[in-house]
Structure formats: C-alpha cells, structure tokens
C-alpha cells in the first residue's frame, strides 16, 4: 500500500467480514501488511502458559488484525472515504462526504 488512510486513534466502522457494522477505535496500524487492530473487533482466543508477567496463565481474548480495506473512517457518526489534499504546504486528510479536513 502506498499511504495508509487510517491512523492510530481513529474511529472506524467494519464494512466486511464476520464483524460487519461494528465500530471501534484503532489500536495499531501495520503499514507493511496493510492491516489494523480495532478495539473489540476480530477477537481471537489465545492459550497462555503461566509466566512471570501472567502467573495465572489460561485463556486470553485479544484482537486480531483486520485488513485496512475492510474498515471505513467514521466522521460525525457516518462512515466516509478518506482523501488527501494540500493545505498550503501541508498534506492533510479530508473526509470525502463533507470535504472537511480530518486532522
């Protein structure tokens, strides 16, 4: 992917897959693989052995990566596409539905 249109901290809506229509905050972005981690979406079960950091061990539930193409940025409560625009000499993200600058 050339440029990621989703950043850490953005609120996104899942538009495809088993978690379709769920919304959440982006925890992490992996530009190399084109994936994002979204709070409460694509939950995985992991079996952990007891360790110093986790003395109990047991079954852990954690988010799995989801492809960036399967999420849309949420702007003012509605999912929208994201574009780029030059604002002076700075490149900014723009919500396609309203034309407003995101950040």
N, C-alpha and C. Protein backbone atom coordinates (compact mmCIF):
# COMPACT_ATOMS: atom_id res chain seq x y z
N UNK A 1 0.83 -1.19 0.00
CA UNK A 1 0.00 0.00 0.00
C UNK A 1 0.87 1.25 0.00
N UNK A 2 0.44 2.25 -0.70
CA UNK A 2 1.24 3.47 -0.77
C UNK A 2 1.10 4.29 0.51
N UNK A 3 -0.11 4.73 0.83
CA UNK A 3 -0.32 5.54 2.02
C UNK A 3 -1.52 5.00 2.78
N UNK A 4 -1.37 4.86 4.09
CA UNK A 4 -2.49 4.40 4.90
C UNK A 4 -3.41 5.58 5.17
N UNK A 5 -4.69 5.39 4.92
CA UNK A 5 -5.65 6.46 5.15
C UNK A 5 -6.23 6.39 6.55
N UNK A 6 -5.92 5.31 7.27
CA UNK A 6 -6.37 5.12 8.65
C UNK A 6 -5.17 5.26 9.56
N UNK A 7 -5.35 5.98 10.68
CA UNK A 7 -4.27 6.17 11.64
C UNK A 7 -4.68 5.65 13.01
N UNK A 8 -3.70 5.43 13.86
CA UNK A 8 -3.93 5.01 15.24
C UNK A 8 -4.79 6.07 15.93
N UNK A 9 -5.82 5.63 16.66
CA UNK A 9 -6.69 6.56 17.38
C UNK A 9 -7.96 6.92 16.63
N UNK A 10 -8.03 6.62 15.32
CA UNK A 10 -9.23 6.90 14.53
C UNK A 10 -10.37 5.98 14.95
N UNK A 11 -11.60 6.46 14.82
CA UNK A 11 -12.76 5.61 15.00
C UNK A 11 -13.15 5.10 13.62
N UNK A 12 -13.31 3.78 13.51
CA UNK A 12 -13.61 3.18 12.22
C UNK A 12 -14.81 2.24 12.33
N UNK A 13 -15.43 1.96 11.16
CA UNK A 13 -16.54 1.03 11.07
C UNK A 13 -16.12 -0.10 10.16
N UNK A 14 -16.39 -1.35 10.57
CA UNK A 14 -16.04 -2.52 9.77
C UNK A 14 -17.11 -2.67 8.69
N UNK A 15 -16.68 -2.80 7.43
CA UNK A 15 -17.63 -2.87 6.33
C UNK A 15 -17.69 -4.25 5.68
N UNK A 16 -16.86 -5.19 6.13
CA UNK A 16 -16.87 -6.54 5.56
C UNK A 16 -16.38 -7.54 6.58
N UNK A 17 -16.86 -8.78 6.45
CA UNK A 17 -16.40 -9.86 7.32
C UNK A 17 -17.39 -10.18 8.43
N UNK A 18 -16.94 -11.03 9.35
CA UNK A 18 -17.84 -11.51 10.42
C UNK A 18 -18.24 -10.41 11.40
N UNK A 19 -17.45 -9.36 11.51
CA UNK A 19 -17.73 -8.27 12.44
C UNK A 19 -18.31 -7.05 11.73
N UNK A 20 -18.95 -7.25 10.60
CA UNK A 20 -19.50 -6.16 9.80
C UNK A 20 -20.43 -5.28 10.65
N UNK A 21 -20.36 -3.96 10.45
CA UNK A 21 -21.16 -2.93 11.13
C UNK A 21 -20.71 -2.62 12.56
N UNK A 22 -19.65 -3.25 13.04
CA UNK A 22 -19.12 -2.91 14.35
C UNK A 22 -18.24 -1.68 14.23
N UNK A 23 -18.23 -0.86 15.28
CA UNK A 23 -17.36 0.31 15.31
C UNK A 23 -16.38 0.19 16.45
N UNK A 24 -15.21 0.79 16.29
CA UNK A 24 -14.21 0.76 17.35
C UNK A 24 -13.07 1.69 17.03
N UNK A 25 -12.20 1.82 18.02
CA UNK A 25 -11.04 2.70 17.90
C UNK A 25 -9.84 1.88 17.42
N UNK A 26 -9.03 2.47 16.54
CA UNK A 26 -7.85 1.78 16.01
C UNK A 26 -6.76 1.77 17.08
N UNK A 27 -6.28 0.57 17.43
CA UNK A 27 -5.24 0.40 18.44
C UNK A 27 -3.85 0.49 17.81
N UNK A 28 -3.71 -0.15 16.64
CA UNK A 28 -2.41 -0.18 15.97
C UNK A 28 -2.60 -0.30 14.47
N UNK A 29 -1.60 0.19 13.72
CA UNK A 29 -1.62 0.12 12.27
C UNK A 29 -0.33 -0.54 11.80
N UNK A 30 -0.45 -1.54 10.92
CA UNK A 30 0.71 -2.20 10.33
C UNK A 30 0.75 -1.83 8.85
N UNK A 31 1.58 -0.83 8.50
CA UNK A 31 1.64 -0.35 7.13
C UNK A 31 2.21 -1.39 6.17
N UNK A 32 3.15 -2.18 6.64
CA UNK A 32 3.81 -3.17 5.79
C UNK A 32 2.80 -4.20 5.27
N UNK A 33 1.93 -4.70 6.16
CA UNK A 33 0.94 -5.71 5.78
C UNK A 33 -0.41 -5.12 5.41
N UNK A 34 -0.60 -3.82 5.62
CA UNK A 34 -1.87 -3.18 5.29
C UNK A 34 -3.00 -3.59 6.20
N UNK A 35 -2.70 -3.81 7.49
CA UNK A 35 -3.71 -4.24 8.44
C UNK A 35 -3.83 -3.26 9.61
N UNK A 36 -4.95 -3.35 10.31
CA UNK A 36 -5.18 -2.53 11.50
C UNK A 36 -5.74 -3.40 12.62
N UNK A 37 -5.51 -2.99 13.87
CA UNK A 37 -6.12 -3.63 15.03
C UNK A 37 -7.20 -2.70 15.54
N UNK A 38 -8.42 -3.19 15.66
CA UNK A 38 -9.55 -2.38 16.10
C UNK A 38 -10.09 -2.96 17.40
N UNK A 39 -10.35 -2.07 18.37
CA UNK A 39 -10.88 -2.47 19.69
C UNK A 39 -12.15 -3.29 19.55
N UNK A 40 -12.16 -4.50 20.12
CA UNK A 40 -13.36 -5.33 20.17
C UNK A 40 -13.76 -5.97 18.86
N UNK A 41 -12.90 -5.93 17.85
CA UNK A 41 -13.21 -6.50 16.54
C UNK A 41 -12.23 -7.62 16.23
N UNK A 42 -12.72 -8.70 15.61
CA UNK A 42 -11.90 -9.85 15.21
C UNK A 42 -11.19 -10.45 16.42
N UNK A 43 -11.97 -10.74 17.47
CA UNK A 43 -11.41 -11.27 18.71
C UNK A 43 -10.88 -12.69 18.52
N UNK A 44 -9.70 -12.94 19.06
CA UNK A 44 -9.03 -14.23 18.99
C UNK A 44 -8.90 -14.81 20.39
N UNK A 45 -8.82 -16.14 20.48
CA UNK A 45 -8.59 -16.82 21.74
C UNK A 45 -7.15 -17.31 21.75
N UNK A 46 -6.42 -16.96 22.80
CA UNK A 46 -5.02 -17.37 22.90
C UNK A 46 -4.83 -18.12 24.22
N UNK A 47 -4.18 -19.27 24.15
CA UNK A 47 -3.89 -20.06 25.34
C UNK A 47 -2.49 -19.72 25.81
N UNK A 48 -2.39 -19.19 27.04
CA UNK A 48 -1.09 -18.74 27.54
C UNK A 48 -0.64 -19.59 28.72
N UNK A 49 0.65 -19.95 28.70
CA UNK A 49 1.24 -20.66 29.83
C UNK A 49 1.47 -19.67 30.95
N UNK A 50 1.49 -20.13 32.20
CA UNK A 50 1.84 -19.23 33.30
C UNK A 50 3.26 -18.68 33.12
N UNK A 51 3.43 -17.40 33.39
CA UNK A 51 4.74 -16.77 33.28
C UNK A 51 4.87 -15.73 34.38
N UNK A 52 6.00 -15.05 34.43
CA UNK A 52 6.21 -14.03 35.46
C UNK A 52 5.23 -12.88 35.29
N UNK A 53 4.96 -12.48 34.05
CA UNK A 53 4.03 -11.37 33.82
C UNK A 53 2.57 -11.81 33.95
N UNK A 54 2.29 -13.09 33.71
CA UNK A 54 0.93 -13.61 33.81
C UNK A 54 0.97 -14.92 34.60
N UNK A 55 1.00 -14.83 35.96
CA UNK A 55 1.18 -16.05 36.78
C UNK A 55 0.04 -17.06 36.66
N UNK A 56 -1.16 -16.60 36.33
CA UNK A 56 -2.30 -17.50 36.21
C UNK A 56 -2.27 -18.30 34.92
N UNK A 57 -1.82 -17.65 33.83
CA UNK A 57 -1.89 -18.30 32.53
C UNK A 57 -3.35 -18.32 32.08
N UNK A 58 -3.75 -19.34 31.33
CA UNK A 58 -5.14 -19.50 30.97
C UNK A 58 -5.46 -18.99 29.57
N UNK A 59 -6.76 -18.77 29.34
CA UNK A 59 -7.24 -18.37 28.02
C UNK A 59 -7.39 -16.85 27.97
N UNK A 60 -6.75 -16.24 27.00
CA UNK A 60 -6.80 -14.79 26.81
C UNK A 60 -7.59 -14.47 25.55
N UNK A 61 -8.32 -13.37 25.58
CA UNK A 61 -9.04 -12.90 24.40
C UNK A 61 -8.39 -11.61 23.95
N UNK A 62 -7.98 -11.57 22.68
CA UNK A 62 -7.32 -10.37 22.17
C UNK A 62 -7.73 -10.13 20.72
N UNK A 63 -7.55 -8.89 20.27
CA UNK A 63 -7.92 -8.51 18.91
C UNK A 63 -6.94 -9.07 17.90
N UNK A 64 -7.46 -9.46 16.76
CA UNK A 64 -6.62 -9.89 15.65
C UNK A 64 -6.62 -8.83 14.58
N UNK A 65 -5.62 -8.85 13.70
CA UNK A 65 -5.55 -7.83 12.65
C UNK A 65 -6.66 -7.99 11.62
N UNK A 66 -7.12 -6.88 11.07
CA UNK A 66 -8.14 -6.87 10.02
C UNK A 66 -7.60 -6.01 8.89
N UNK A 67 -7.86 -6.40 7.66
CA UNK A 67 -7.33 -5.66 6.52
C UNK A 67 -7.87 -4.24 6.49
N UNK A 68 -7.01 -3.29 6.18
CA UNK A 68 -7.39 -1.88 6.18
C UNK A 68 -8.49 -1.58 5.17
N UNK A 69 -8.61 -2.40 4.13
CA UNK A 69 -9.64 -2.18 3.12
C UNK A 69 -11.03 -2.55 3.64
N UNK A 70 -11.09 -3.25 4.76
CA UNK A 70 -12.37 -3.67 5.34
C UNK A 70 -12.89 -2.73 6.41
N UNK A 71 -12.24 -1.58 6.58
CA UNK A 71 -12.72 -0.58 7.55
C UNK A 71 -12.86 0.77 6.87
N UNK A 72 -13.81 1.58 7.39
CA UNK A 72 -14.01 2.93 6.88
C UNK A 72 -13.95 3.90 8.04
N UNK A 73 -13.35 5.06 7.79
CA UNK A 73 -13.23 6.11 8.79
C UNK A 73 -14.63 6.65 9.12
N UNK A 74 -14.90 6.89 10.43
CA UNK A 74 -16.18 7.44 10.86
C UNK A 74 -16.00 8.93 11.15
N UNK A 75 -16.75 9.76 10.41
CA UNK A 75 -16.68 11.22 10.56
C UNK A 75 -18.07 11.73 10.90
N UNK A 76 -18.21 12.31 12.10
CA UNK A 76 -19.51 12.82 12.57
C UNK A 76 -20.60 11.76 12.54
N UNK A 77 -20.23 10.55 12.99
CA UNK A 77 -21.20 9.47 13.11
C UNK A 77 -21.49 8.69 11.84
N UNK A 78 -20.90 9.07 10.71
CA UNK A 78 -21.14 8.37 9.45
C UNK A 78 -19.83 7.90 8.85
N UNK A 79 -19.85 6.71 8.26
CA UNK A 79 -18.67 6.17 7.60
C UNK A 79 -18.43 6.94 6.31
N UNK A 80 -17.18 7.28 6.06
CA UNK A 80 -16.84 8.04 4.87
C UNK A 80 -15.49 7.60 4.32
N UNK A 81 -15.30 7.84 3.04
CA UNK A 81 -13.99 7.58 2.44
C UNK A 81 -13.06 8.72 2.83
N UNK A 82 -11.77 8.44 2.71
CA UNK A 82 -10.76 9.43 3.10
C UNK A 82 -9.91 9.77 1.88
N UNK A 83 -9.65 11.06 1.69
CA UNK A 83 -8.78 11.51 0.61
C UNK A 83 -7.69 12.41 1.17
N UNK A 84 -6.83 12.87 0.29
CA UNK A 84 -5.75 13.76 0.70
C UNK A 84 -5.85 15.06 -0.08
N UNK A 85 -5.41 16.15 0.56
CA UNK A 85 -5.43 17.46 -0.07
C UNK A 85 -4.25 18.25 0.47
N UNK A 86 -3.71 19.13 -0.35
CA UNK A 86 -2.64 20.00 0.12
C UNK A 86 -3.25 21.26 0.72
N UNK A 87 -2.93 21.50 1.99
CA UNK A 87 -3.41 22.68 2.70
C UNK A 87 -2.19 23.59 2.90
N UNK A 88 -2.00 24.51 1.97
CA UNK A 88 -0.77 25.30 1.97
C UNK A 88 0.36 24.42 1.49
N UNK A 89 1.31 24.14 2.36
CA UNK A 89 2.40 23.23 2.00
C UNK A 89 2.30 21.92 2.77
N UNK A 90 1.17 21.70 3.46
CA UNK A 90 0.99 20.51 4.28
C UNK A 90 -0.06 19.59 3.67
N UNK A 91 0.22 18.28 3.67
CA UNK A 91 -0.72 17.28 3.16
C UNK A 91 -1.65 16.87 4.30
N UNK A 92 -2.97 17.01 4.10
CA UNK A 92 -3.93 16.69 5.16
C UNK A 92 -4.95 15.68 4.65
N UNK A 93 -5.54 14.94 5.60
CA UNK A 93 -6.61 14.01 5.26
C UNK A 93 -7.93 14.76 5.19
N UNK A 94 -8.80 14.35 4.26
CA UNK A 94 -10.07 15.02 4.04
C UNK A 94 -11.17 13.97 3.98
N UNK A 95 -12.31 14.23 4.65
CA UNK A 95 -13.48 13.36 4.56
C UNK A 95 -14.16 13.61 3.21
N UNK A 96 -14.32 12.58 2.40
CA UNK A 96 -14.88 12.73 1.06
C UNK A 96 -16.35 13.16 1.12
N UNK A 97 -17.10 12.72 2.15
CA UNK A 97 -18.53 13.01 2.21
C UNK A 97 -18.80 14.49 2.46
N UNK A 98 -17.98 15.13 3.30
CA UNK A 98 -18.23 16.53 3.66
C UNK A 98 -17.18 17.48 3.11
N UNK A 99 -16.03 16.97 2.76
CA UNK A 99 -14.95 17.81 2.27
C UNK A 99 -14.18 18.49 3.39
N UNK A 100 -14.48 18.15 4.65
CA UNK A 100 -13.82 18.75 5.80
C UNK A 100 -12.47 18.09 6.07
N UNK A 101 -11.54 18.88 6.61
CA UNK A 101 -10.23 18.36 6.98
C UNK A 101 -10.38 17.54 8.26
N UNK A 102 -9.79 16.35 8.26
CA UNK A 102 -9.88 15.46 9.43
C UNK A 102 -8.88 15.83 10.50
N UNK A 103 -7.60 16.04 10.09
CA UNK A 103 -6.59 16.35 11.09
C UNK A 103 -5.62 17.41 10.61
